[in-house]
Amino acid sequence: MTPARFRWGMLLVLLGLVLLLRNMDVINSNFWEDFLVYSPILLIAIGVEKIFTKSHLQFISYATSIFLLAGGLYLAFAAGSGGISQSFFSKSSYSHAVDPGVKDLQVTLDLGNGNLTVRDATDDLVSGQFDEFTHKPDVKYSVEGSTAMVNFTTGKHRFWGNTIKINTEGANGWYLSFSNLIPLTLECVGKGSDIHLNLATTPTRKVKVEAADGQVYLKVGTIEPSVDVSVTGENSDVRLRLPSNAGVKISGVNDTEYLSRVGLIEEDGAYVNPGYDTLKNKINVNLDDRESSLSIDYY
């Protein structure tokens, strides 16, 4: 038996196994994305096979086919178990109704280098839609006491998790909404991501965003009396939209000229708007001097 014949046999076995496992619902369809990402390895394996065919190290040619079978099964299980049961090439959704005992909501979002849009608040605790050609998240939901914790994580199982992107006419990504009644604490991490957070209709207590080389748009409201905001990230573009009837405090940046132009005055190492201490609602913002641009406006 030649190494080439052995290789094609192993590839057919692999294809048959993953299709059988998918049909039995042992794995979902997300493995097709990883197969696409890692497909160049097939070319490398064939090249190695050709190099050692008909040499005294011909066993290496057969070993590459065994490696393809084992690696393919590993990718199928790593990418196709858990998470949203939808393909990389299809849209999917997620929702969780409000639990009667839940009084607080903590959400953690690991975007990888994907994009995020948070829209108007919802009657559910959390709801989301995920575009085609995006990494679908693994979602973990738990409750401790009266606090619901929801984690959306993408790309953790991939060695080259985000080496491939498919560009379409629109910006692909995640679209999420959070409860209009349960106070929210949100933590979001991305790299090179476009993060659009419209939280004006969401009762928000704390927002933390880490977005190196990204674009961050953040709009907060006055549903909660105090909102703490932290936005960090090297070379990120940040735009803040803040309510005009709230007390605003900005710290972490030292652009006196711009901050005074938007109505802020220096006080104890930070910048506040007139009447900060007397206004009912407070929004405290901590920024990062490594950001490439900052824009603040009021509504």
Protein backbone atom coordinates (compact mmCIF):
# COMPACT_ATOMS: atom_id res chain seq x y z
CA MET A 1 0.00 0.00 0.00
CA THR A 2 1.38 3.38 -0.97
CA PRO A 3 1.45 6.33 1.49
CA ALA A 4 -0.89 8.28 -0.80
CA ARG A 5 -3.48 5.50 -0.79
CA PHE A 6 -3.18 5.22 2.99
CA ARG A 7 -3.64 9.00 3.34
CA TRP A 8 -6.83 9.13 1.27
CA GLY A 9 -8.18 6.21 3.26
CA MET A 10 -7.52 8.02 6.55
CA LEU A 11 -9.16 11.22 5.25
CA LEU A 12 -12.29 9.30 4.25
CA VAL A 13 -12.36 7.63 7.67
CA LEU A 14 -12.05 11.04 9.32
CA LEU A 15 -14.84 12.55 7.21
CA GLY A 16 -17.09 9.59 7.92
CA LEU A 17 -16.44 9.75 11.66
CA VAL A 18 -17.13 13.48 12.05
CA LEU A 19 -20.30 13.28 9.96
CA LEU A 20 -21.49 10.32 12.03
CA LEU A 21 -20.73 12.14 15.29
CA ARG A 22 -22.56 15.23 14.00
CA ASN A 23 -25.62 13.21 12.97
CA MET A 24 -25.69 11.62 16.42
CA ASP A 25 -25.52 15.11 18.05
CA VAL A 26 -22.30 14.20 19.84
CA ILE A 27 -20.75 17.36 18.34
CA ASN A 28 -22.27 20.42 16.66
CA SER A 29 -21.36 22.04 13.34
CA ASN A 30 -18.80 24.54 14.62
CA PHE A 31 -15.90 22.25 13.67
CA TRP A 32 -16.22 23.24 9.98
CA GLU A 33 -14.72 26.63 10.84
CA ASP A 34 -11.65 25.08 12.46
CA PHE A 35 -11.26 22.68 9.55
CA LEU A 36 -11.17 25.72 7.27
CA VAL A 37 -8.65 27.56 9.46
CA TYR A 38 -6.30 24.59 9.70
CA SER A 39 -6.72 23.29 6.14
CA PRO A 40 -3.15 24.34 5.12
CA ILE A 41 -1.87 21.59 7.43
CA LEU A 42 -3.20 19.08 4.89
CA LEU A 43 -0.85 20.54 2.27
CA ILE A 44 2.05 20.43 4.72
CA ALA A 45 1.32 16.80 5.55
CA ILE A 46 1.16 15.82 1.87
CA GLY A 47 4.47 17.60 1.30
CA VAL A 48 6.13 15.71 4.16
CA GLU A 49 4.62 12.47 2.86
CA LYS A 50 6.11 13.05 -0.61
CA ILE A 51 9.54 13.86 0.81
CA PHE A 52 9.87 10.56 2.69
CA THR A 53 8.05 8.25 0.24
CA LYS A 54 10.40 5.54 -1.10
CA SER A 55 13.11 6.43 1.42
CA HIS A 56 14.41 4.47 4.39
CA LEU A 57 12.24 6.77 6.54
CA GLN A 58 9.05 5.95 4.64
CA PHE A 59 7.24 5.25 7.94
CA ILE A 60 7.07 9.06 8.37
CA SER A 61 4.88 9.23 5.25
CA TYR A 62 2.38 6.90 6.90
CA ALA A 63 2.67 8.71 10.25
CA THR A 64 1.50 12.01 8.66
CA SER A 65 -1.81 10.37 7.70
CA ILE A 66 -2.30 9.08 11.25
CA PHE A 67 -1.53 12.61 12.48
CA LEU A 68 -4.21 14.04 10.16
CA LEU A 69 -6.78 11.58 11.50
CA ALA A 70 -5.94 12.29 15.15
CA GLY A 71 -5.71 16.05 14.61
CA GLY A 72 -8.98 16.17 12.71
CA LEU A 73 -10.82 14.33 15.49
CA TYR A 74 -9.29 16.64 18.08
CA LEU A 75 -10.47 19.74 16.19
CA ALA A 76 -13.95 18.28 15.75
CA PHE A 77 -14.34 17.68 19.48
CA ALA A 78 -12.60 20.91 20.56
CA ALA A 79 -14.69 23.15 18.30
CA GLY A 80 -17.90 21.15 18.11
CA SER A 81 -18.70 20.50 21.75
CA GLY A 82 -20.54 23.08 23.87
CA GLY A 83 -21.33 26.61 22.81
CA ILE A 84 -24.02 27.66 20.39
CA SER A 85 -25.05 24.69 18.26
CA GLN A 86 -24.72 26.51 14.96
CA SER A 87 -22.18 26.56 12.20
CA PHE A 88 -19.63 29.32 11.62
CA PHE A 89 -21.46 29.88 8.35
CA SER A 90 -24.91 30.40 9.92
CA LYS A 91 -26.58 32.87 12.24
CA SER A 92 -27.52 31.78 15.75
CA SER A 93 -29.20 33.22 18.82
CA TYR A 94 -29.28 32.93 22.59
CA SER A 95 -31.70 34.10 25.28
CA HIS A 96 -32.29 33.55 28.96
CA ALA A 97 -35.46 34.62 30.72
CA VAL A 98 -35.36 36.55 33.99
CA ASP A 99 -35.00 34.32 37.05
CA PRO A 100 -37.37 35.42 39.83
CA GLY A 101 -34.64 35.41 42.50
CA VAL A 102 -32.04 37.34 40.49
CA LYS A 103 -31.36 40.90 41.68
CA ASP A 104 -28.05 41.60 39.92
CA LEU A 105 -26.56 40.65 36.56
CA GLN A 106 -22.84 40.23 35.88
CA VAL A 107 -21.84 39.68 32.24
CA THR A 108 -18.35 38.90 30.95
CA LEU A 109 -17.66 39.07 27.21
CA ASP A 110 -14.46 37.75 25.62
CA LEU A 111 -14.71 38.85 21.99
CA GLY A 112 -11.35 37.73 20.67
CA ASN A 113 -11.10 40.13 17.74
CA GLY A 114 -14.81 40.02 16.94
CA ASN A 115 -17.22 42.95 16.97
CA LEU A 116 -19.95 43.70 19.50
CA THR A 117 -23.11 45.79 19.50
CA VAL A 118 -25.21 46.18 22.64
CA ARG A 119 -28.68 47.46 21.81
CA ASP A 120 -31.74 48.65 23.73
CA ALA A 121 -32.65 46.77 26.91
CA THR A 122 -34.85 43.69 26.74
CA ASP A 123 -37.52 41.97 28.85
CA ASP A 124 -35.26 38.90 29.01
CA LEU A 125 -32.30 38.69 31.33
CA VAL A 126 -29.96 38.36 28.33
CA SER A 127 -30.64 37.95 24.64
CA GLY A 128 -28.25 37.82 21.71
CA GLN A 129 -27.79 37.17 18.03
CA PHE A 130 -24.56 36.07 16.38
CA ASP A 131 -23.88 36.66 12.70
CA GLU A 132 -22.59 34.17 10.20
CA PHE A 133 -18.81 34.22 9.72
CA THR A 134 -18.25 34.94 13.42
CA HIS A 135 -16.89 32.77 16.20
CA LYS A 136 -19.96 31.63 18.10
CA PRO A 137 -19.50 31.92 21.86
CA ASP A 138 -19.45 29.33 24.57
CA VAL A 139 -22.08 30.57 27.05
CA LYS A 140 -21.94 29.72 30.74
CA TYR A 141 -24.79 30.73 33.03
CA SER A 142 -24.78 30.40 36.79
CA VAL A 143 -26.42 31.98 39.83
CA GLU A 144 -24.76 32.72 43.16
CA GLY A 145 -27.15 34.02 45.76
CA SER A 146 -29.16 36.70 43.98
CA THR A 147 -26.51 37.38 41.28
CA ALA A 148 -26.73 35.87 37.81
CA MET A 149 -23.40 35.48 36.01
CA VAL A 150 -23.23 35.01 32.25
CA ASN A 151 -19.93 34.45 30.43
CA PHE A 152 -19.61 34.63 26.64
CA THR A 153 -16.24 33.31 25.50
CA THR A 154 -14.82 32.77 22.03
CA GLY A 155 -11.63 31.36 20.56
CA LYS A 156 -10.12 29.82 23.70
CA HIS A 157 -9.63 26.39 22.14
CA ARG A 158 -7.87 27.65 19.04
CA PHE A 159 -4.13 27.90 18.62
CA TRP A 160 -4.60 30.33 15.72
CA GLY A 161 -8.09 31.32 16.86
CA ASN A 162 -8.45 34.50 14.79
CA THR A 163 -6.04 34.09 11.89
CA ILE A 164 -8.90 33.98 9.45
CA LYS A 165 -11.58 36.58 8.78
CA ILE A 166 -14.21 36.65 6.10
CA ASN A 167 -15.12 40.15 4.99
CA THR A 168 -18.67 40.87 3.94
CA GLU A 169 -20.48 44.12 3.16
CA GLY A 170 -21.43 44.65 6.81
CA ALA A 171 -19.56 44.33 10.08
CA ASN A 172 -20.18 40.86 11.45
CA GLY A 173 -20.37 40.26 15.15
CA TRP A 174 -22.42 39.75 18.27
CA TYR A 175 -25.61 41.68 19.06
CA LEU A 176 -26.65 41.58 22.71
CA SER A 177 -29.30 43.12 24.93
CA PHE A 178 -29.61 43.03 28.71
CA SER A 179 -32.48 43.29 31.16
CA ASN A 180 -34.39 46.55 31.48
CA LEU A 181 -34.96 45.82 35.19
CA ILE A 182 -31.92 43.98 36.62
CA PRO A 183 -28.84 46.16 37.35
CA LEU A 184 -25.90 45.27 35.12
CA THR A 185 -22.17 44.91 35.70
CA LEU A 186 -20.44 44.41 32.33
CA GLU A 187 -16.87 43.44 31.52
CA CYS A 188 -15.79 43.27 27.89
CA VAL A 189 -12.41 42.31 26.41
CA GLY A 190 -11.48 42.50 22.72
CA LYS A 191 -8.51 43.16 20.45
CA GLY A 192 -8.97 45.11 17.25
CA SER A 193 -12.70 45.00 17.93
CA ASP A 194 -15.46 47.46 17.08
CA ILE A 195 -17.37 47.71 20.37
CA HIS A 196 -20.63 49.65 20.32
CA LEU A 197 -22.32 49.82 23.73
CA ASN A 198 -25.67 51.60 23.93
CA LEU A 199 -26.54 51.23 27.60
CA ALA A 200 -28.79 54.29 27.97
CA THR A 201 -31.90 52.12 28.52
CA THR A 202 -30.11 49.46 30.60
CA PRO A 203 -29.78 49.88 34.38
CA THR A 204 -25.98 49.90 34.45
CA ARG A 205 -23.81 50.08 37.54
CA LYS A 206 -20.37 49.26 36.19
CA VAL A 207 -18.75 48.92 32.77
CA LYS A 208 -15.18 47.77 32.15
CA VAL A 209 -13.83 47.64 28.60
CA GLU A 210 -10.36 46.49 27.52
CA ALA A 211 -9.95 47.04 23.78
CA ALA A 212 -6.44 47.40 22.38
CA ASP A 213 -6.32 48.62 18.76
CA GLY A 214 -10.11 48.85 18.76
CA GLN A 215 -12.95 51.31 18.49
CA VAL A 216 -15.20 51.86 21.49
CA TYR A 217 -18.51 53.71 21.51
CA LEU A 218 -20.17 53.90 24.93
CA LYS A 219 -23.45 55.56 25.83
CA VAL A 220 -24.67 55.36 29.41
CA GLY A 221 -27.83 56.64 31.08
CA THR A 222 -29.14 57.72 34.46
CA ILE A 223 -31.33 54.77 35.45
CA GLU A 224 -28.84 53.90 38.20
CA PRO A 225 -27.74 56.76 40.50
CA SER A 226 -24.04 55.90 40.12
CA VAL A 227 -22.19 54.40 37.14
CA ASP A 228 -18.50 53.45 37.15
CA VAL A 229 -16.85 53.23 33.73
CA SER A 230 -13.37 52.00 32.85
CA VAL A 231 -12.08 52.01 29.27
CA THR A 232 -8.49 50.96 28.59
CA GLY A 233 -6.56 49.82 25.56
CA GLU A 234 -3.49 50.86 23.65
CA ASN A 235 -4.18 52.62 20.32
CA SER A 236 -7.94 52.52 20.80
CA ASP A 237 -10.41 55.16 19.61
CA VAL A 238 -12.93 56.00 22.33
CA ARG A 239 -16.17 57.95 22.04
CA LEU A 240 -18.28 58.61 25.14
CA ARG A 241 -21.88 59.83 25.12
CA LEU A 242 -22.94 61.03 28.55
CA PRO A 243 -26.24 62.46 29.86
CA SER A 244 -26.14 66.22 30.26
CA ASN A 245 -28.01 66.11 33.59
CA ALA A 246 -25.47 63.86 35.36
CA GLY A 247 -22.34 64.64 37.30
CA VAL A 248 -19.32 63.54 35.27
CA LYS A 249 -15.83 62.80 36.55
CA ILE A 250 -13.01 61.85 34.14
CA SER A 251 -9.69 60.45 35.38
CA GLY A 252 -6.68 58.73 33.82
CA VAL A 253 -6.07 61.28 31.05
CA ASN A 254 -4.38 64.65 31.18
CA ASP A 255 -5.54 66.46 28.05
CA THR A 256 -6.49 69.69 29.82
CA GLU A 257 -7.19 71.61 26.62
CA TYR A 258 -9.70 69.10 25.25
CA LEU A 259 -11.36 68.31 28.56
CA SER A 260 -11.91 71.99 29.31
CA ARG A 261 -13.35 72.40 25.81
CA VAL A 262 -16.05 69.85 26.65
CA GLY A 263 -16.94 71.65 29.87
CA LEU A 264 -14.79 69.86 32.46
CA ILE A 265 -12.62 71.48 35.09
CA GLU A 266 -9.66 70.04 36.99
CA GLU A 267 -10.31 69.01 40.57
CA ASP A 268 -8.10 66.83 42.78
CA GLY A 269 -6.31 65.19 39.84
CA ALA A 270 -9.51 64.48 37.89
CA TYR A 271 -11.84 66.49 35.67
CA VAL A 272 -15.45 67.16 36.62
CA ASN A 273 -18.35 69.12 35.19
CA PRO A 274 -19.77 72.11 37.08
CA GLY A 275 -22.04 71.05 39.92
CA TYR A 276 -20.70 67.51 40.03
CA ASP A 277 -21.11 67.24 43.82
CA THR A 278 -24.70 68.49 43.82
CA LEU A 279 -26.10 66.48 40.90
CA LYS A 280 -28.17 63.40 41.79
CA ASN A 281 -26.61 61.04 39.23
CA LYS A 282 -22.88 60.42 39.04
CA ILE A 283 -20.87 58.92 36.18
CA ASN A 284 -17.23 58.23 37.05
CA VAL A 285 -15.01 57.41 34.08
CA ASN A 286 -11.46 56.07 34.22
CA LEU A 287 -9.57 56.22 30.92
CA ASP A 288 -6.16 55.26 29.59
CA ASP A 289 -3.54 57.71 28.30
CA ARG A 290 -2.48 55.06 25.75
CA GLU A 291 -5.68 55.55 23.77
CA SER A 292 -5.13 57.12 20.37
CA SER A 293 -8.20 59.37 20.44
CA LEU A 294 -10.96 60.48 22.80
CA SER A 295 -14.31 62.10 22.04
CA ILE A 296 -16.86 63.16 24.67
CA ASP A 297 -20.29 64.58 23.92
CA TYR A 298 -23.58 64.99 25.78
CA TYR A 299 -27.18 64.19 25.00
